[in-house]
Amino acid sequence: MRNALKWAAILLLPALILCIFGSHLHALTTGVSAGVAGVGVAVGLKGLAVMGATNTLGNYNETFFAQEALIQLEKALGMSGRVYKGYNPNPQVLGDTIQVRRPSTFTAADAPSADQNLATESVAIKLDTWKEVKFSLTDKDLSLTSEKIISDHIRPAAVALADVVDQTLNGLYKQIPWYTQMSATPALSDITKLKKVMFDNKVPMRDESLLHLQIGSNEQMAFQNAMTVLQNPQASGLRDGSLGTLYGFDTFANQNAPSHTSGVAADSTGTVDGANAVGATSISISGVTAGITVKAGDIVSIAGDPQQYNIAADATDADGSAFVITITPGLKKATAGTEVVTIFLGGAAKTQNIAFHSNAFCLATAPLSDMGNQLGAKIATISDPITGLSLRSRLFYVGDSSTVKVALDILFGVKTLDPNLAVRGYAA
């Protein structure tokens, strides 16, 4: 009899619990469902409050991570936040090519004139870089406040992604064919030299919101020291280390400012060897001393041609005979074969400060696929309609380690739209 009563009590226990706590369990499950779905985290929090918990995974869904990461990514961008953005709304994969509309340009003509075509030229940009940051969240991590999750996990992850985007974009300095030499001790007057080159190249100068100057650490310190002479050292810009607008440029220091090591030569002049048509991307040079080496990013000028060029690939003239260099952009003026060629070789590694118009370069992104969503993972892609940036988050549970994996990734490509809208300031 005693055993029978014991088993009856065991069998009736679940029903008894459900009767007592049924309403509370309903409120709890409703809250979790709303939070996980990402359709109003506040509702999820209200439901979870029944248990007195601060946070659970319901707060930290794939949409939460994607949204917060994109916010932090945009804050951390240096040069990348100041260039033209291209975007394709359709999901893409690594290696895909998308078409990005180049900003329009117009020419004033005598009136009355014919309509100018508003169909802007499209530029093909290959999405050749896919970067990811992945981290694990334990039960303890998931009990943290949202502010702590952002500061400890999301912000560092987004900064890492922003950093690699910025480094990639800064690599385009090798396609800027214009330069000035900075002073041995950088001075504010160096900025005017950069501006003169851009002015002479007919870079649009009226909209200062599109003019930027990225500098390295030496230039930053020198400019700030010079500014203390011009204004109160307690001015907010000097106190917080910002440079603001200098000579019409949005001036900012960037730890990713590139450094360039040029080729080496006993002399840096020769002559074009042979005729070359407009558009040619390789030319032969003779008359230079044997042993000259040139590096991608070195700058070339040809007598009689107002356009300057970059060397696109390393080359060496081992025996002093004619040697071929590849250049970018393609020749703007045909050569007869006797023009003097001058190669600017800056020597050992030197910081490349970059003054540029926003339309000089393009950063293109596209959403990544959400294939696999709900099949062992939760996936969300967030795109900013203003900046065109797109970022994906993925969440999945690893049972063996009892952790939630979070992966943030971005697919992007970069391209020089117009190299004549930028100029390098070679550090001395």
Protein backbone atom coordinates (compact mmCIF):
# COMPACT_ATOMS: atom_id res chain seq x y z
CA MET A 1 0.00 0.00 0.00
CA ARG A 2 2.80 2.39 0.96
CA ASN A 3 4.60 1.73 -2.37
CA ALA A 4 1.40 2.34 -4.31
CA LEU A 5 0.91 5.74 -2.65
CA LYS A 6 4.53 6.66 -3.33
CA TRP A 7 4.25 5.95 -7.06
CA ALA A 8 0.92 7.78 -7.25
CA ALA A 9 2.51 10.88 -5.71
CA ILE A 10 5.37 10.75 -8.22
CA LEU A 11 3.00 10.47 -11.15
CA LEU A 12 0.81 13.33 -9.94
CA LEU A 13 3.72 15.69 -9.14
CA PRO A 14 4.10 17.20 -12.68
CA ALA A 15 0.38 17.97 -12.84
CA LEU A 16 0.51 19.58 -9.41
CA ILE A 17 3.48 21.78 -10.44
CA LEU A 18 1.73 22.80 -13.63
CA CYS A 19 -1.39 23.80 -11.71
CA ILE A 20 0.58 25.92 -9.26
CA PHE A 21 3.05 27.56 -11.65
CA GLY A 22 1.26 27.33 -14.97
CA SER A 23 0.59 31.04 -15.38
CA HIS A 24 4.17 31.93 -14.52
CA LEU A 25 5.58 29.40 -16.95
CA HIS A 26 3.38 30.82 -19.72
CA ALA A 27 4.65 34.34 -19.04
CA LEU A 28 8.24 33.13 -19.04
CA THR A 29 8.06 31.19 -22.29
CA THR A 30 6.24 34.06 -24.00
CA GLY A 31 9.01 36.45 -22.97
CA VAL A 32 11.81 34.17 -24.14
CA SER A 33 10.12 33.60 -27.48
CA ALA A 34 9.75 37.33 -28.10
CA GLY A 35 13.34 38.01 -27.11
CA VAL A 36 14.86 35.29 -29.25
CA ALA A 37 12.83 36.29 -32.26
CA GLY A 38 14.33 39.77 -32.03
CA VAL A 39 10.92 41.37 -32.43
CA GLY A 40 11.01 43.47 -29.29
CA VAL A 41 13.67 42.56 -26.81
CA ALA A 42 11.85 44.62 -24.20
CA VAL A 43 8.98 42.10 -24.20
CA GLY A 44 11.50 39.31 -23.67
CA LEU A 45 13.04 41.18 -20.76
CA LYS A 46 9.62 41.64 -19.14
CA GLY A 47 8.93 37.94 -19.33
CA LEU A 48 12.37 37.03 -18.01
CA ALA A 49 11.95 39.38 -15.11
CA VAL A 50 9.60 36.81 -13.56
CA MET A 51 12.68 34.79 -12.69
CA GLY A 52 14.64 37.84 -11.56
CA ALA A 53 17.35 37.22 -14.17
CA THR A 54 19.27 40.17 -15.58
CA ASN A 55 19.74 38.74 -19.07
CA THR A 56 19.57 35.47 -20.97
CA LEU A 57 20.29 34.44 -24.54
CA GLY A 58 16.89 35.93 -25.38
CA ASN A 59 18.53 39.35 -25.20
CA TYR A 60 21.49 38.40 -27.30
CA ASN A 61 20.06 37.15 -30.53
CA GLU A 62 21.66 37.31 -33.96
CA THR A 63 20.00 40.65 -34.76
CA PHE A 64 21.30 42.24 -31.57
CA PHE A 65 24.88 41.26 -32.39
CA ALA A 66 24.63 42.37 -36.01
CA GLN A 67 23.09 45.75 -35.16
CA GLU A 68 25.50 46.58 -32.37
CA ALA A 69 28.52 45.36 -34.33
CA LEU A 70 27.60 47.52 -37.33
CA ILE A 71 27.27 50.57 -35.07
CA GLN A 72 30.69 49.92 -33.56
CA LEU A 73 32.20 49.17 -36.98
CA GLU A 74 31.08 52.52 -38.38
CA LYS A 75 32.50 54.35 -35.36
CA ALA A 76 35.89 52.66 -35.76
CA LEU A 77 36.41 53.30 -39.48
CA GLY A 78 39.22 55.72 -40.32
CA MET A 79 39.88 56.32 -44.00
CA SER A 80 37.18 53.78 -44.82
CA GLY A 81 34.52 55.98 -43.28
CA ARG A 82 35.43 58.87 -45.56
CA VAL A 83 35.37 57.33 -49.04
CA TYR A 84 32.62 56.66 -51.57
CA LYS A 85 30.49 53.61 -50.68
CA GLY A 86 29.15 51.03 -53.08
CA TYR A 87 26.52 48.47 -52.16
CA ASN A 88 24.66 45.57 -53.74
CA PRO A 89 21.54 44.47 -51.84
CA ASN A 90 21.68 40.89 -53.13
CA PRO A 91 23.61 38.28 -51.13
CA GLN A 92 27.07 37.62 -52.59
CA VAL A 93 29.95 35.22 -51.98
CA LEU A 94 33.71 35.69 -51.92
CA GLY A 95 35.02 36.44 -55.42
CA ASP A 96 31.77 37.85 -56.81
CA THR A 97 31.91 41.09 -58.79
CA ILE A 98 29.33 43.81 -58.33
CA GLN A 99 28.63 46.96 -60.32
CA VAL A 100 28.95 50.23 -58.41
CA ARG A 101 27.77 53.52 -59.84
CA ARG A 102 30.54 56.07 -60.16
CA PRO A 103 29.59 59.59 -58.96
CA SER A 104 28.27 61.78 -61.79
CA THR A 105 30.30 64.53 -63.43
CA PHE A 106 28.99 67.29 -65.70
CA THR A 107 30.44 69.84 -68.09
CA ALA A 108 28.97 73.31 -68.57
CA ALA A 109 28.23 74.07 -72.24
CA ASP A 110 27.03 77.09 -74.20
CA ALA A 111 23.28 77.46 -73.95
CA PRO A 112 21.07 76.19 -75.37
CA SER A 113 22.74 72.77 -75.12
CA ALA A 114 21.84 69.13 -75.44
CA ASP A 115 20.91 67.07 -72.39
CA GLN A 116 23.80 65.39 -70.68
CA ASN A 117 23.42 61.72 -69.95
CA LEU A 118 22.42 61.11 -66.34
CA ALA A 119 23.23 57.41 -66.58
CA THR A 120 26.36 57.29 -64.46
CA GLU A 121 29.14 54.94 -65.39
CA SER A 122 29.22 51.67 -63.50
CA VAL A 123 32.48 50.36 -62.10
CA ALA A 124 33.10 46.66 -61.50
CA ILE A 125 34.43 45.91 -58.03
CA LYS A 126 35.42 42.41 -56.98
CA LEU A 127 34.38 41.40 -53.48
CA ASP A 128 37.67 39.67 -52.82
CA THR A 129 37.97 40.01 -49.04
CA TRP A 130 35.94 38.10 -46.48
CA LYS A 131 36.93 38.68 -42.88
CA GLU A 132 35.50 37.17 -39.71
CA VAL A 133 35.80 37.48 -35.94
CA LYS A 134 34.51 34.56 -33.90
CA PHE A 135 34.21 34.27 -30.12
CA SER A 136 32.49 32.13 -27.50
CA LEU A 137 29.98 33.13 -24.83
CA THR A 138 29.65 31.04 -21.70
CA ASP A 139 26.67 30.97 -19.35
CA LYS A 140 28.50 33.55 -17.24
CA ASP A 141 28.93 35.87 -20.25
CA LEU A 142 25.25 35.58 -21.07
CA SER A 143 24.38 36.84 -17.60
CA LEU A 144 26.15 40.14 -18.28
CA THR A 145 24.32 43.37 -19.06
CA SER A 146 24.04 44.42 -22.68
CA GLU A 147 26.49 47.28 -22.06
CA LYS A 148 29.06 44.81 -20.77
CA ILE A 149 28.52 42.47 -23.71
CA ILE A 150 29.09 45.40 -26.08
CA SER A 151 32.25 46.65 -24.35
CA ASP A 152 33.80 43.21 -23.75
CA HIS A 153 32.90 41.44 -26.97
CA ILE A 154 31.09 43.34 -29.70
CA ARG A 155 33.20 46.51 -29.74
CA PRO A 156 36.59 44.70 -29.88
CA ALA A 157 35.27 42.39 -32.61
CA ALA A 158 33.92 45.29 -34.67
CA VAL A 159 37.15 47.26 -34.23
CA ALA A 160 39.13 44.28 -35.53
CA LEU A 161 36.91 44.12 -38.63
CA ALA A 162 37.11 47.89 -39.14
CA ASP A 163 40.88 47.74 -38.83
CA VAL A 164 41.30 45.18 -41.60
CA VAL A 165 38.89 47.10 -43.86
CA ASP A 166 40.91 50.26 -43.26
CA GLN A 167 44.25 48.54 -43.88
CA THR A 168 42.96 47.11 -47.14
CA LEU A 169 41.73 50.50 -48.32
CA ASN A 170 45.00 52.17 -47.34
CA GLY A 171 46.80 49.71 -49.60
CA LEU A 172 45.41 51.71 -52.54
CA TYR A 173 48.02 54.40 -51.85
CA LYS A 174 50.19 52.60 -54.40
CA GLN A 175 47.79 53.82 -57.09
CA ILE A 176 48.16 57.52 -56.22
CA PRO A 177 50.61 58.99 -58.77
CA TRP A 178 50.93 62.43 -57.18
CA TYR A 179 53.13 63.41 -54.26
CA THR A 180 54.81 66.21 -52.34
CA GLN A 181 57.71 66.01 -49.92
CA MET A 182 56.88 66.81 -46.31
CA SER A 183 59.31 68.91 -44.30
CA ALA A 184 61.89 67.19 -42.09
CA THR A 185 59.90 68.60 -39.19
CA PRO A 186 56.30 68.49 -40.41
CA ALA A 187 54.71 71.94 -40.54
CA LEU A 188 51.24 73.24 -41.26
CA SER A 189 52.65 74.70 -44.49
CA ASP A 190 53.03 71.12 -45.75
CA ILE A 191 49.25 70.98 -45.98
CA THR A 192 49.23 73.90 -48.40
CA LYS A 193 51.64 72.00 -50.67
CA LEU A 194 49.26 69.07 -50.76
CA LYS A 195 46.35 71.35 -51.46
CA LYS A 196 48.18 73.04 -54.34
CA VAL A 197 48.67 69.71 -56.12
CA MET A 198 44.98 68.93 -55.75
CA PHE A 199 44.03 72.42 -56.89
CA ASP A 200 46.24 72.13 -59.99
CA ASN A 201 44.71 68.73 -60.74
CA LYS A 202 41.27 70.38 -60.72
CA VAL A 203 39.99 68.35 -57.77
CA PRO A 204 36.59 69.79 -56.71
CA MET A 205 37.50 71.94 -53.72
CA ARG A 206 34.25 73.69 -52.87
CA ASP A 207 32.65 70.99 -50.75
CA GLU A 208 35.05 70.68 -47.84
CA SER A 209 33.05 67.84 -46.34
CA LEU A 210 34.51 65.66 -49.12
CA LEU A 211 38.15 66.72 -48.61
CA HIS A 212 40.19 64.70 -46.16
CA LEU A 213 43.78 64.47 -44.96
CA GLN A 214 45.02 61.31 -43.28
CA ILE A 215 48.30 61.67 -41.42
CA GLY A 216 50.72 59.56 -39.42
CA SER A 217 51.82 59.97 -35.82
CA ASN A 218 54.77 62.32 -36.46
CA GLU A 219 52.59 64.69 -38.44
CA GLN A 220 49.87 64.53 -35.80
CA MET A 221 52.25 65.59 -33.03
CA ALA A 222 53.85 68.32 -35.14
CA PHE A 223 50.52 69.78 -36.27
CA GLN A 224 49.11 69.78 -32.75
CA ASN A 225 52.22 71.50 -31.41
CA ALA A 226 51.95 74.11 -34.14
CA MET A 227 48.29 74.67 -33.35
CA THR A 228 49.07 75.54 -29.72
CA VAL A 229 50.79 78.65 -31.05
CA LEU A 230 47.71 79.62 -33.06
CA GLN A 231 45.08 79.07 -30.39
CA ASN A 232 44.47 78.55 -26.70
CA PRO A 233 46.15 75.29 -25.58
CA GLN A 234 43.00 74.62 -23.57
CA ALA A 235 40.82 74.67 -26.70
CA SER A 236 38.68 71.55 -26.85
CA GLY A 237 40.33 70.28 -30.03
CA LEU A 238 43.76 70.34 -28.46
CA ARG A 239 42.59 68.87 -25.19
CA ASP A 240 41.00 65.84 -26.81
CA GLY A 241 43.70 65.44 -29.46
CA SER A 242 41.46 66.06 -32.47
CA LEU A 243 42.73 68.17 -35.35
CA GLY A 244 39.45 69.18 -36.96
CA THR A 245 39.51 71.09 -40.24
CA LEU A 246 42.90 72.38 -41.39
CA TYR A 247 43.17 74.43 -44.59
CA GLY A 248 39.90 72.97 -45.78
CA PHE A 249 40.76 69.33 -45.02
CA ASP A 250 39.03 67.11 -42.49
CA THR A 251 42.34 66.14 -40.88
CA PHE A 252 42.67 62.94 -38.88
CA ALA A 253 45.47 60.71 -37.64
CA ASN A 254 45.30 57.05 -38.54
CA GLN A 255 47.43 54.22 -37.18
CA ASN A 256 46.92 52.50 -40.54
CA ALA A 257 48.63 55.29 -42.50
CA PRO A 258 50.76 53.26 -44.91
CA SER A 259 54.53 53.25 -45.23
CA HIS A 260 56.34 52.87 -48.54
CA THR A 261 59.81 51.55 -49.33
CA SER A 262 60.86 52.45 -52.85
CA GLY A 263 63.21 50.80 -55.27
CA VAL A 264 66.92 51.63 -55.47
CA ALA A 265 68.90 53.15 -58.34
CA ALA A 266 72.23 54.90 -59.00
CA ASP A 267 70.24 57.30 -61.17
CA SER A 268 66.51 57.67 -61.66
CA THR A 269 66.20 59.00 -65.21
CA GLY A 270 66.10 57.27 -68.55
CA THR A 271 64.23 57.47 -71.84
CA VAL A 272 61.18 55.75 -73.25
CA ASP A 273 62.35 52.97 -75.56
CA GLY A 274 59.90 52.68 -78.46
CA ALA A 275 56.53 54.16 -79.35
CA ASN A 276 53.52 53.52 -77.13
CA ALA A 277 49.85 54.21 -77.82
CA VAL A 278 47.39 55.91 -75.51
CA GLY A 279 46.12 53.42 -72.96
CA ALA A 280 49.30 51.32 -72.86
CA THR A 281 49.96 49.87 -69.42
CA SER A 282 53.58 48.89 -69.95
CA ILE A 283 56.53 50.82 -71.36
CA SER A 284 60.18 50.02 -71.98
CA ILE A 285 62.83 52.27 -70.45
CA SER A 286 66.49 52.48 -71.46
CA GLY A 287 69.47 54.56 -70.43
CA VAL A 288 69.43 53.76 -66.73
CA THR A 289 72.34 52.36 -64.77
CA ALA A 290 72.38 48.57 -64.40
CA GLY A 291 70.95 47.26 -61.14
CA ILE A 292 68.00 49.61 -60.80
CA THR A 293 65.02 48.17 -58.96
CA VAL A 294 61.56 49.69 -58.85
CA LYS A 295 58.71 48.78 -56.50
CA ALA A 296 54.95 48.81 -56.93
CA GLY A 297 53.86 52.24 -55.78
CA ASP A 298 56.91 54.15 -57.05
CA ILE A 299 55.98 57.18 -59.15
CA VAL A 300 56.94 57.86 -62.78
CA SER A 301 56.70 61.02 -64.87
CA ILE A 302 57.23 61.32 -68.63
CA ALA A 303 58.40 64.57 -70.17
CA GLY A 304 55.61 66.28 -72.10
CA ASP A 305 52.85 64.25 -70.39
CA PRO A 306 50.92 66.15 -67.67
CA GLN A 307 49.75 62.87 -66.14
CA GLN A 308 51.95 61.05 -63.63
CA TYR A 309 51.91 57.28 -63.19
CA ASN A 310 52.48 54.58 -60.62
CA ILE A 311 54.59 51.51 -61.16
CA ALA A 312 52.15 48.63 -60.77
CA ALA A 313 54.62 45.76 -60.21
CA ASP A 314 58.19 45.33 -59.02
CA ALA A 315 60.83 45.27 -61.76
CA THR A 316 64.63 45.09 -62.06
CA ASP A 317 67.10 46.09 -64.78
CA ALA A 318 69.98 43.74 -64.07
CA ASP A 319 72.26 44.50 -67.06
CA GLY A 320 71.56 48.12 -67.99
CA SER A 321 69.62 47.28 -71.13
CA ALA A 322 66.05 48.38 -71.72
CA PHE A 323 63.62 47.01 -69.17
CA VAL A 324 59.85 47.00 -69.03
CA ILE A 325 57.73 48.55 -66.30
CA THR A 326 53.98 48.24 -65.87
CA ILE A 327 52.13 51.45 -65.03
CA THR A 328 48.78 52.66 -63.80
CA PRO A 329 46.72 54.38 -65.06
CA GLY A 330 47.22 53.59 -68.75
CA LEU A 331 49.10 56.18 -70.82
CA LYS A 332 47.12 59.38 -71.31
CA LYS A 333 49.47 60.58 -74.04
CA ALA A 334 51.19 58.53 -76.73
CA THR A 335 55.00 58.36 -76.70
CA ALA A 336 57.34 58.57 -79.67
CA GLY A 337 60.19 56.78 -77.96
CA THR A 338 62.64 59.49 -76.91
CA GLU A 339 60.87 61.12 -73.96
CA VAL A 340 62.76 61.49 -70.70
CA VAL A 341 61.39 59.33 -67.88
CA THR A 342 61.94 60.23 -64.24
CA ILE A 343 61.32 57.74 -61.48
CA PHE A 344 60.79 59.14 -58.01
CA LEU A 345 62.45 56.88 -55.47
CA GLY A 346 61.80 57.93 -51.89
CA GLY A 347 64.21 55.43 -50.35
CA ALA A 348 63.69 53.68 -47.04
CA ALA A 349 60.26 53.20 -45.48
CA LYS A 350 58.42 56.50 -45.20
CA THR A 351 54.91 57.30 -44.02
CA GLN A 352 52.48 58.13 -46.82
CA ASN A 353 50.17 60.90 -45.64
CA ILE A 354 47.17 60.99 -47.96
CA ALA A 355 45.08 64.00 -48.97
CA PHE A 356 42.04 62.85 -50.91
CA HIS A 357 38.58 63.64 -52.16
CA SER A 358 35.96 61.11 -51.07
CA ASN A 359 35.36 60.08 -54.69
CA ALA A 360 38.98 59.01 -55.18
CA PHE A 361 38.31 55.58 -53.68
CA CYS A 362 35.41 53.20 -53.17
CA LEU A 363 34.59 50.69 -50.48
CA ALA A 364 31.99 48.18 -51.67
CA THR A 365 30.09 45.68 -49.53
CA ALA A 366 27.25 43.23 -50.00
CA PRO A 367 25.21 41.01 -47.69
CA LEU A 368 26.42 37.50 -47.05
CA SER A 369 24.07 34.57 -47.43
CA ASP A 370 21.77 33.56 -44.58
CA MET A 371 21.75 29.96 -45.78
CA GLY A 372 21.71 27.73 -42.75
CA ASN A 373 19.48 30.03 -40.74
CA GLN A 374 17.46 27.93 -38.28
CA LEU A 375 19.42 24.85 -39.38
CA GLY A 376 21.72 24.72 -36.40
CA ALA A 377 22.45 28.46 -36.48
CA LYS A 378 20.74 31.81 -36.17
CA ILE A 379 21.85 34.27 -38.85
CA ALA A 380 21.14 37.95 -39.36
CA THR A 381 22.54 40.46 -41.83
CA ILE A 382 22.24 44.18 -41.14
CA SER A 383 22.83 46.82 -43.83
CA ASP A 384 23.02 50.56 -43.26
CA PRO A 385 21.03 52.31 -46.01
CA ILE A 386 23.04 55.51 -45.52
CA THR A 387 26.62 54.22 -45.49
CA GLY A 388 25.97 51.07 -47.54
CA LEU A 389 27.92 48.95 -45.07
CA SER A 390 26.71 45.42 -44.46
CA LEU A 391 27.63 42.98 -41.70
CA ARG A 392 26.45 39.50 -40.77
CA SER A 393 26.21 37.74 -37.40
CA ARG A 394 25.81 34.03 -36.74
CA LEU A 395 24.99 32.30 -33.45
CA PHE A 396 25.24 28.59 -32.83
CA TYR A 397 25.45 26.39 -29.75
CA VAL A 398 28.30 23.96 -29.12
CA GLY A 399 27.04 21.26 -26.79
CA ASP A 400 30.43 19.71 -25.96
CA SER A 401 31.68 22.97 -24.43
CA SER A 402 28.30 24.43 -23.40
CA THR A 403 29.13 27.68 -25.17
CA VAL A 404 27.37 29.91 -27.66
CA LYS A 405 29.57 30.77 -30.63
CA VAL A 406 29.19 34.21 -32.15
CA ALA A 407 30.69 34.97 -35.57
CA LEU A 408 30.72 38.46 -37.11
CA ASP A 409 31.84 38.74 -40.71
CA ILE A 410 31.97 41.19 -43.59
CA LEU A 411 32.43 40.77 -47.36
CA PHE A 412 33.97 43.72 -49.18
CA GLY A 413 36.17 45.01 -51.96
CA VAL A 414 38.03 48.28 -52.58
CA LYS A 415 38.94 50.17 -55.72
CA THR A 416 40.53 53.43 -56.87
CA LEU A 417 37.90 55.39 -58.79
CA ASP A 418 40.07 58.36 -59.77
CA PRO A 419 43.76 58.46 -58.74
CA ASN A 420 43.98 62.14 -59.67
CA LEU A 421 41.69 63.04 -56.75
CA ALA A 422 44.39 62.18 -54.23
CA VAL A 423 47.99 63.11 -53.43
CA ARG A 424 50.61 61.58 -51.15
CA GLY A 425 52.61 63.55 -48.64
CA TYR A 426 55.93 61.72 -48.44
CA ALA A 427 57.35 61.95 -44.92
CA ALA A 428 60.95 63.16 -44.92
